[in-house]
């Protein structure tokens, strides 16, 4: 694909172009940026989602203003580095393997002695690798936070929160399906 085709496809929100560009062609570039800009683990999908939302603001004005004085990859590298340096510290560090303490007896739930629905849910949460996803499910679904309040606390956009929630629910579903295989017999 030429730079013109890439920009045109992204502005047109062409799924094939967007998927190929962000998840295949730019993957090495974005992984390098993640490694250089952040001193903690950042989920690749969340990185791409944040950048995509930024690029598409105001009907894709940043893409429309690309002047073709360099390659689209060079331009995007500089734009992404600047954008994520400005966001550093505002993307949650989810590399911790600890479960946030919420006042319940998690030890009993983890070893199977507490077989209530709450205990089952805690076991599923413990099987989810992304702690940020657990936080989003807890706050939005169990604690009835408004999306706007949670997005503000997490310092992200509401649109990004909905994408994170969608991925969180998918990860919870996978954890539940794996749990059925292990405990359902």
Protein backbone atom coordinates (compact mmCIF):
# COMPACT_ATOMS: atom_id res chain seq x y z
CA UNK A 1 0.00 0.00 0.00
CA UNK A 2 1.18 3.51 -0.76
CA UNK A 3 1.09 6.27 1.81
CA UNK A 4 -1.83 7.85 -0.06
CA UNK A 5 -3.78 4.57 0.03
CA UNK A 6 -3.07 4.16 3.76
CA UNK A 7 -4.22 7.68 4.66
CA UNK A 8 -7.28 7.44 2.38
CA UNK A 9 -8.22 4.03 3.85
CA UNK A 10 -7.80 5.22 7.45
CA UNK A 11 -9.90 8.34 6.85
CA UNK A 12 -12.58 6.19 5.18
CA UNK A 13 -12.44 3.87 8.22
CA UNK A 14 -11.72 0.90 5.94
CA UNK A 15 -11.43 -2.06 8.34
CA UNK A 16 -9.04 -4.01 6.11
CA UNK A 17 -6.62 -1.09 5.73
CA UNK A 18 -6.87 -0.16 9.41
CA UNK A 19 -6.26 -3.74 10.59
CA UNK A 20 -3.35 -4.32 8.21
CA UNK A 21 -1.73 -0.96 8.97
CA UNK A 22 -2.01 -0.90 12.78
CA UNK A 23 -1.74 -4.59 13.62
CA UNK A 24 0.72 -5.83 10.97
CA UNK A 25 2.72 -3.05 9.32
CA UNK A 26 3.13 -0.81 12.38
CA UNK A 27 3.48 -3.51 15.03
CA UNK A 28 7.32 -3.43 15.22
CA UNK A 29 7.27 0.38 15.27
CA UNK A 30 4.62 0.55 18.00
CA UNK A 31 6.31 -2.13 20.12
CA UNK A 32 9.51 -0.10 19.94
CA UNK A 33 7.67 3.07 20.97
CA UNK A 34 6.00 1.27 23.89
CA UNK A 35 9.39 0.04 25.07
CA UNK A 36 10.99 3.48 24.82
CA UNK A 37 8.19 5.68 26.16
CA UNK A 38 6.78 3.58 29.00
CA UNK A 39 8.68 2.05 31.90
CA UNK A 40 5.83 -0.36 32.57
CA UNK A 41 3.84 -2.85 30.52
CA UNK A 42 1.25 -1.32 28.20
CA UNK A 43 -1.26 -3.48 26.34
CA UNK A 44 -0.68 -3.25 22.56
CA UNK A 45 -4.41 -3.12 21.77
CA UNK A 46 -4.93 -0.27 24.23
CA UNK A 47 -1.95 1.57 22.77
CA UNK A 48 -3.38 1.27 19.25
CA UNK A 49 -6.87 2.18 20.46
CA UNK A 50 -5.64 5.37 22.17
CA UNK A 51 -3.61 6.36 19.09
CA UNK A 52 -6.49 5.59 16.72
CA UNK A 53 -8.91 7.71 18.74
CA UNK A 54 -6.36 10.54 18.72
CA UNK A 55 -5.84 10.27 14.95
CA UNK A 56 -9.58 10.17 14.23
CA UNK A 57 -10.52 13.17 16.41
CA UNK A 58 -12.27 15.96 14.51
CA UNK A 59 -13.10 13.71 11.56
CA UNK A 60 -9.51 12.54 11.13
CA UNK A 61 -8.02 16.03 10.97
CA UNK A 62 -4.53 14.80 11.89
CA UNK A 63 -4.61 12.31 9.02
CA UNK A 64 -6.04 14.91 6.64
CA UNK A 65 -3.20 17.30 7.56
CA UNK A 66 -0.47 14.78 6.65
CA UNK A 67 1.60 16.59 3.97
CA UNK A 68 3.54 13.59 2.52
CA UNK A 69 6.90 15.28 3.20
CA UNK A 70 8.07 12.02 4.80
CA UNK A 71 6.76 8.49 4.83
CA UNK A 72 3.58 7.86 6.77
CA UNK A 73 5.62 5.64 9.14
CA UNK A 74 8.14 8.39 9.96
CA UNK A 75 5.35 10.88 10.50
CA UNK A 76 3.38 8.47 12.67
CA UNK A 77 6.46 7.59 14.72
CA UNK A 78 7.03 11.24 15.70
CA UNK A 79 3.31 11.88 16.26
CA UNK A 80 2.89 8.74 18.41
CA UNK A 81 5.98 9.40 20.52
CA UNK A 82 4.87 12.97 21.24
CA UNK A 83 1.32 11.88 21.99
CA UNK A 84 2.30 9.08 24.36
CA UNK A 85 4.97 11.11 26.14
CA UNK A 86 2.20 13.57 26.95
CA UNK A 87 0.08 10.65 28.26
CA UNK A 88 2.89 9.03 30.27
CA UNK A 89 1.73 8.47 33.82
CA UNK A 90 -1.91 8.64 32.76
CA UNK A 91 -2.06 5.15 31.30
CA UNK A 92 -2.56 2.74 34.18
CA UNK A 93 0.33 0.48 35.04
CA UNK A 94 -1.27 -2.92 34.92
CA UNK A 95 1.90 -4.98 35.23
CA UNK A 96 1.27 -5.72 38.90
CA UNK A 97 0.17 -9.28 39.56
CA UNK A 98 -1.54 -8.33 42.83
CA UNK A 99 -5.30 -8.30 43.15
CA UNK A 100 -6.56 -4.99 44.53
CA UNK A 101 -7.75 -5.47 48.11
CA UNK A 102 -11.46 -4.84 48.43
CA UNK A 103 -12.12 -5.89 52.01
CA UNK A 104 -13.40 -9.39 51.28
CA UNK A 105 -11.80 -12.65 52.28
CA UNK A 106 -10.12 -13.45 48.98
CA UNK A 107 -8.01 -16.28 50.37
CA UNK A 108 -11.07 -18.40 51.05
CA UNK A 109 -12.43 -17.68 47.57
CA UNK A 110 -9.12 -18.54 45.93
CA UNK A 111 -8.76 -21.98 47.52
CA UNK A 112 -12.35 -23.02 46.81
CA UNK A 113 -13.70 -23.07 50.38
CA UNK A 114 -16.10 -20.23 49.60
CA UNK A 115 -18.21 -21.54 46.72
CA UNK A 116 -20.68 -18.66 46.63
CA UNK A 117 -21.23 -16.64 43.49
CA UNK A 118 -18.92 -14.00 44.92
CA UNK A 119 -16.21 -16.58 45.44
CA UNK A 120 -16.67 -17.92 41.91
CA UNK A 121 -16.37 -14.43 40.49
CA UNK A 122 -13.21 -13.75 42.51
CA UNK A 123 -11.70 -16.98 41.20
CA UNK A 124 -12.48 -15.86 37.64
CA UNK A 125 -10.98 -12.43 38.34
CA UNK A 126 -7.83 -14.09 39.68
CA UNK A 127 -7.56 -16.05 36.41
CA UNK A 128 -7.70 -12.87 34.31
CA UNK A 129 -4.18 -11.71 33.41
CA UNK A 130 -5.08 -8.03 32.93
CA UNK A 131 -5.79 -6.35 36.29
CA UNK A 132 -7.03 -3.21 34.54
CA UNK A 133 -9.84 -5.25 33.00
CA UNK A 134 -10.81 -6.55 36.45
CA UNK A 135 -10.93 -2.98 37.77
CA UNK A 136 -13.21 -1.88 34.92
CA UNK A 137 -15.63 -4.79 35.46
CA UNK A 138 -15.67 -4.22 39.23
CA UNK A 139 -16.36 -0.51 38.96
CA UNK A 140 -18.82 -0.47 36.05
CA UNK A 141 -20.80 -3.63 36.72
CA UNK A 142 -20.43 -4.58 40.37
CA UNK A 143 -20.09 -1.13 41.93
CA UNK A 144 -22.36 0.71 39.42
CA UNK A 145 -19.97 3.55 38.64
CA UNK A 146 -20.96 5.75 35.72
CA UNK A 147 -18.72 5.37 32.67
CA UNK A 148 -17.97 9.07 32.77
CA UNK A 149 -16.77 8.93 36.40
CA UNK A 150 -14.58 5.88 35.80
CA UNK A 151 -13.13 7.33 32.60
CA UNK A 152 -12.29 10.50 34.49
CA UNK A 153 -10.65 8.54 37.34
CA UNK A 154 -8.63 6.47 34.86
CA UNK A 155 -7.81 9.63 32.88
CA UNK A 156 -9.02 8.15 29.58
CA UNK A 157 -11.86 8.97 27.23
CA UNK A 158 -15.28 7.40 27.68
CA UNK A 159 -14.98 5.90 24.20
CA UNK A 160 -11.73 4.17 25.22
CA UNK A 161 -13.39 2.94 28.42
CA UNK A 162 -16.11 1.23 26.39
CA UNK A 163 -13.43 -0.50 24.28
CA UNK A 164 -11.61 -1.60 27.43
CA UNK A 165 -14.89 -2.89 28.88
CA UNK A 166 -15.56 -4.89 25.71
CA UNK A 167 -12.11 -6.50 25.90
CA UNK A 168 -12.53 -7.04 29.65
CA UNK A 169 -15.79 -8.90 29.14
CA UNK A 170 -14.18 -11.04 26.42
CA UNK A 171 -11.31 -11.90 28.78
CA UNK A 172 -13.77 -12.71 31.60
CA UNK A 173 -15.68 -14.96 29.20
CA UNK A 174 -12.47 -16.81 28.27
CA UNK A 175 -11.64 -17.19 31.98
CA UNK A 176 -15.13 -18.59 32.63
CA UNK A 177 -14.87 -21.05 29.74
CA UNK A 178 -11.48 -22.24 31.01
CA UNK A 179 -12.96 -22.49 34.50
CA UNK A 180 -15.76 -24.72 33.19
CA UNK A 181 -13.17 -27.05 31.67
CA UNK A 182 -11.25 -27.25 34.96
CA UNK A 183 -14.06 -27.28 37.54
CA UNK A 184 -17.11 -28.31 35.52
CA UNK A 185 -16.33 -32.00 35.51
